[in-house]
Amino acid sequence: MSVTEHINNIIASSAQTIHALRILRSRGMQTESILTIYQAVVIAELTYATGAWWGFTTATDRQRLEAVIRRGIRSRLSSSNQLHWAEIVEDADDNLFSQVLYNNSTILDKELITEH
């Protein structure tokens, strides 16, 4: 599967979730719950394993992923101060690196990591 096919799948799944959240909101679900579900499902799905495929995305792929974020904001499923897609990926990458660097039970040699 190519990265673009993977992104197509992510976007299709996100669109289905966004549609379901709109329906739930129209049926009276609380805004706080909607925001939590959006973060837990859509943003988590968009960021899953980004370290493995982010570098292989095209500018078009990145624009399409950013459009999902904008759609969530426009639909009021996400807060208006939601990070942009590139910032989300950068934060996820930084968090992963920090966990590897500061986790005492990692099998990686930390001296090699900190020297570079």
C-alpha atoms as a PDB file:
ATOM      1  CA  MET A   1       0.000   0.000   0.000  1.00  0.00           C
ATOM      2  CA  SER A   2       1.380   3.413  -0.925  1.00  0.00           C
ATOM      3  CA  VAL A   3       1.399   6.354   1.450  1.00  0.00           C
ATOM      4  CA  THR A   4      -1.249   8.099  -0.649  1.00  0.00           C
ATOM      5  CA  GLU A   5      -3.514   5.042  -0.397  1.00  0.00           C
ATOM      6  CA  HIS A   6      -2.952   5.008   3.367  1.00  0.00           C
ATOM      7  CA  ILE A   7      -3.878   8.690   3.549  1.00  0.00           C
ATOM      8  CA  ASN A   8      -6.980   8.059   1.410  1.00  0.00           C
ATOM      9  CA  ASN A   9      -8.069   5.427   3.942  1.00  0.00           C
ATOM     10  CA  ILE A  10      -7.402   7.719   6.897  1.00  0.00           C
ATOM     11  CA  ILE A  11      -9.330  10.574   5.310  1.00  0.00           C
ATOM     12  CA  ALA A  12     -12.280   8.332   4.433  1.00  0.00           C
ATOM     13  CA  SER A  13     -12.416   6.970   7.966  1.00  0.00           C
ATOM     14  CA  SER A  14     -12.137  10.465   9.428  1.00  0.00           C
ATOM     15  CA  ALA A  15     -14.973  11.684   7.212  1.00  0.00           C
ATOM     16  CA  GLN A  16     -17.195   8.879   8.515  1.00  0.00           C
ATOM     17  CA  THR A  17     -16.334   9.736  12.110  1.00  0.00           C
ATOM     18  CA  ILE A  18     -16.956  13.443  11.525  1.00  0.00           C
ATOM     19  CA  HIS A  19     -20.345  12.623  10.003  1.00  0.00           C
ATOM     20  CA  ALA A  20     -21.244  10.432  12.991  1.00  0.00           C
ATOM     21  CA  LEU A  21     -20.179  13.165  15.425  1.00  0.00           C
ATOM     22  CA  ARG A  22     -22.348  15.717  13.621  1.00  0.00           C
ATOM     23  CA  ILE A  23     -25.313  13.375  13.969  1.00  0.00           C
ATOM     24  CA  LEU A  24     -24.588  12.805  17.660  1.00  0.00           C
ATOM     25  CA  ARG A  25     -24.373  16.555  18.227  1.00  0.00           C
ATOM     26  CA  SER A  26     -27.689  17.097  16.439  1.00  0.00           C
ATOM     27  CA  ARG A  27     -29.204  14.478  18.758  1.00  0.00           C
ATOM     28  CA  GLY A  28     -28.068  16.360  21.834  1.00  0.00           C
ATOM     29  CA  MET A  29     -24.636  15.028  22.754  1.00  0.00           C
ATOM     30  CA  GLN A  30     -22.711  17.540  24.848  1.00  0.00           C
ATOM     31  CA  THR A  31     -20.064  19.637  23.124  1.00  0.00           C
ATOM     32  CA  GLU A  32     -17.371  18.586  25.585  1.00  0.00           C
ATOM     33  CA  SER A  33     -18.002  14.924  24.748  1.00  0.00           C
ATOM     34  CA  ILE A  34     -17.906  15.664  21.009  1.00  0.00           C
ATOM     35  CA  LEU A  35     -14.543  17.437  21.373  1.00  0.00           C
ATOM     36  CA  THR A  36     -13.137  14.550  23.389  1.00  0.00           C
ATOM     37  CA  ILE A  37     -14.284  11.928  20.892  1.00  0.00           C
ATOM     38  CA  TYR A  38     -12.913  13.958  17.964  1.00  0.00           C
ATOM     39  CA  GLN A  39      -9.491  14.123  19.631  1.00  0.00           C
ATOM     40  CA  ALA A  40      -9.553  10.475  20.675  1.00  0.00           C
ATOM     41  CA  VAL A  41     -10.668   9.113  17.330  1.00  0.00           C
ATOM     42  CA  VAL A  42      -9.921  11.481  14.445  1.00  0.00           C
ATOM     43  CA  ILE A  43      -6.712  13.117  15.661  1.00  0.00           C
ATOM     44  CA  ALA A  44      -5.406   9.814  17.042  1.00  0.00           C
ATOM     45  CA  GLU A  45      -6.116   8.078  13.743  1.00  0.00           C
ATOM     46  CA  LEU A  46      -4.462  10.864  11.762  1.00  0.00           C
ATOM     47  CA  THR A  47      -1.318  10.714  13.887  1.00  0.00           C
ATOM     48  CA  TYR A  48      -1.016   6.940  14.261  1.00  0.00           C
ATOM     49  CA  ALA A  49       2.470   5.854  13.150  1.00  0.00           C
ATOM     50  CA  THR A  50       3.199   9.175  11.447  1.00  0.00           C
ATOM     51  CA  GLY A  51       6.883   8.673  12.134  1.00  0.00           C
ATOM     52  CA  ALA A  52       6.840   5.789   9.672  1.00  0.00           C
ATOM     53  CA  TRP A  53       5.085   7.506   6.767  1.00  0.00           C
ATOM     54  CA  TRP A  54       5.190  11.298   7.254  1.00  0.00           C
ATOM     55  CA  GLY A  55       8.463  11.720   5.369  1.00  0.00           C
ATOM     56  CA  PHE A  56       7.004   9.996   2.309  1.00  0.00           C
ATOM     57  CA  THR A  57       3.997  12.297   1.932  1.00  0.00           C
ATOM     58  CA  THR A  58       3.612  14.690  -0.948  1.00  0.00           C
ATOM     59  CA  ALA A  59       2.545  18.324  -0.621  1.00  0.00           C
ATOM     60  CA  THR A  60      -0.900  17.260  -1.854  1.00  0.00           C
ATOM     61  CA  ASP A  61      -1.126  14.547   0.804  1.00  0.00           C
ATOM     62  CA  ARG A  62      -0.251  17.080   3.494  1.00  0.00           C
ATOM     63  CA  GLN A  63      -2.823  19.569   2.205  1.00  0.00           C
ATOM     64  CA  ARG A  64      -5.508  16.892   2.284  1.00  0.00           C
ATOM     65  CA  LEU A  65      -4.619  15.965   5.867  1.00  0.00           C
ATOM     66  CA  GLU A  66      -4.695  19.633   6.857  1.00  0.00           C
ATOM     67  CA  ALA A  67      -8.145  19.869   5.246  1.00  0.00           C
ATOM     68  CA  VAL A  68      -9.417  17.207   7.674  1.00  0.00           C
ATOM     69  CA  ILE A  69      -8.248  19.372  10.570  1.00  0.00           C
ATOM     70  CA  ARG A  70      -9.910  22.469   9.080  1.00  0.00           C
ATOM     71  CA  ARG A  71     -13.134  20.498   8.527  1.00  0.00           C
ATOM     72  CA  GLY A  72     -13.162  19.532  12.194  1.00  0.00           C
ATOM     73  CA  ILE A  73     -12.754  23.172  13.216  1.00  0.00           C
ATOM     74  CA  ARG A  74     -15.429  24.402  10.772  1.00  0.00           C
ATOM     75  CA  SER A  75     -17.799  21.715  12.017  1.00  0.00           C
ATOM     76  CA  ARG A  76     -17.109  22.806  15.610  1.00  0.00           C
ATOM     77  CA  LEU A  77     -15.882  19.306  16.425  1.00  0.00           C
ATOM     78  CA  SER A  78     -12.522  20.704  17.427  1.00  0.00           C
ATOM     79  CA  SER A  79     -11.526  23.902  19.167  1.00  0.00           C
ATOM     80  CA  SER A  80     -10.602  26.863  17.017  1.00  0.00           C
ATOM     81  CA  ASN A  81      -7.086  26.830  18.476  1.00  0.00           C
ATOM     82  CA  GLN A  82      -6.459  23.281  17.168  1.00  0.00           C
ATOM     83  CA  LEU A  83      -2.882  22.876  15.974  1.00  0.00           C
ATOM     84  CA  HIS A  84      -2.207  22.652  12.262  1.00  0.00           C
ATOM     85  CA  TRP A  85      -1.449  19.220  10.855  1.00  0.00           C
ATOM     86  CA  ALA A  86       2.315  19.757  10.618  1.00  0.00           C
ATOM     87  CA  GLU A  87       2.389  20.961  14.243  1.00  0.00           C
ATOM     88  CA  ILE A  88       0.463  17.883  15.394  1.00  0.00           C
ATOM     89  CA  VAL A  89       2.936  15.598  13.638  1.00  0.00           C
ATOM     90  CA  GLU A  90       5.913  17.523  15.006  1.00  0.00           C
ATOM     91  CA  ASP A  91       4.515  17.312  18.551  1.00  0.00           C
ATOM     92  CA  ALA A  92       3.882  13.570  18.189  1.00  0.00           C
ATOM     93  CA  ASP A  93       7.431  13.074  16.924  1.00  0.00           C
ATOM     94  CA  ASP A  94       8.880  15.160  19.771  1.00  0.00           C
ATOM     95  CA  ASN A  95       6.830  13.207  22.328  1.00  0.00           C
ATOM     96  CA  LEU A  96       8.012   9.882  20.931  1.00  0.00           C
ATOM     97  CA  PHE A  97      11.639  11.010  20.960  1.00  0.00           C
ATOM     98  CA  SER A  98      11.301  12.258  24.554  1.00  0.00           C
ATOM     99  CA  GLN A  99       9.783   8.970  25.657  1.00  0.00           C
ATOM    100  CA  VAL A 100      12.629   7.024  24.104  1.00  0.00           C
ATOM    101  CA  LEU A 101      15.239   9.386  25.500  1.00  0.00           C
ATOM    102  CA  TYR A 102      13.932   9.550  29.066  1.00  0.00           C
ATOM    103  CA  ASN A 103      12.465   6.072  29.510  1.00  0.00           C
ATOM    104  CA  ASN A 104      14.813   4.030  31.692  1.00  0.00           C
ATOM    105  CA  SER A 105      13.504   0.731  30.339  1.00  0.00           C
ATOM    106  CA  THR A 106      14.329   1.426  26.681  1.00  0.00           C
ATOM    107  CA  ILE A 107      16.705  -0.947  24.934  1.00  0.00           C
ATOM    108  CA  LEU A 108      18.321   1.820  22.896  1.00  0.00           C
ATOM    109  CA  ASP A 109      21.726   3.112  23.913  1.00  0.00           C
ATOM    110  CA  LYS A 110      20.974   6.624  25.174  1.00  0.00           C
ATOM    111  CA  GLU A 111      24.577   7.707  24.818  1.00  0.00           C
ATOM    112  CA  LEU A 112      24.332   7.269  21.052  1.00  0.00           C
ATOM    113  CA  ILE A 113      21.111   9.281  20.917  1.00  0.00           C
ATOM    114  CA  THR A 114      22.368  12.197  23.003  1.00  0.00           C
ATOM    115  CA  GLU A 115      25.666  12.484  21.116  1.00  0.00           C
ATOM    116  CA  HIS A 116      23.908  13.302  17.843  1.00  0.00           C
END
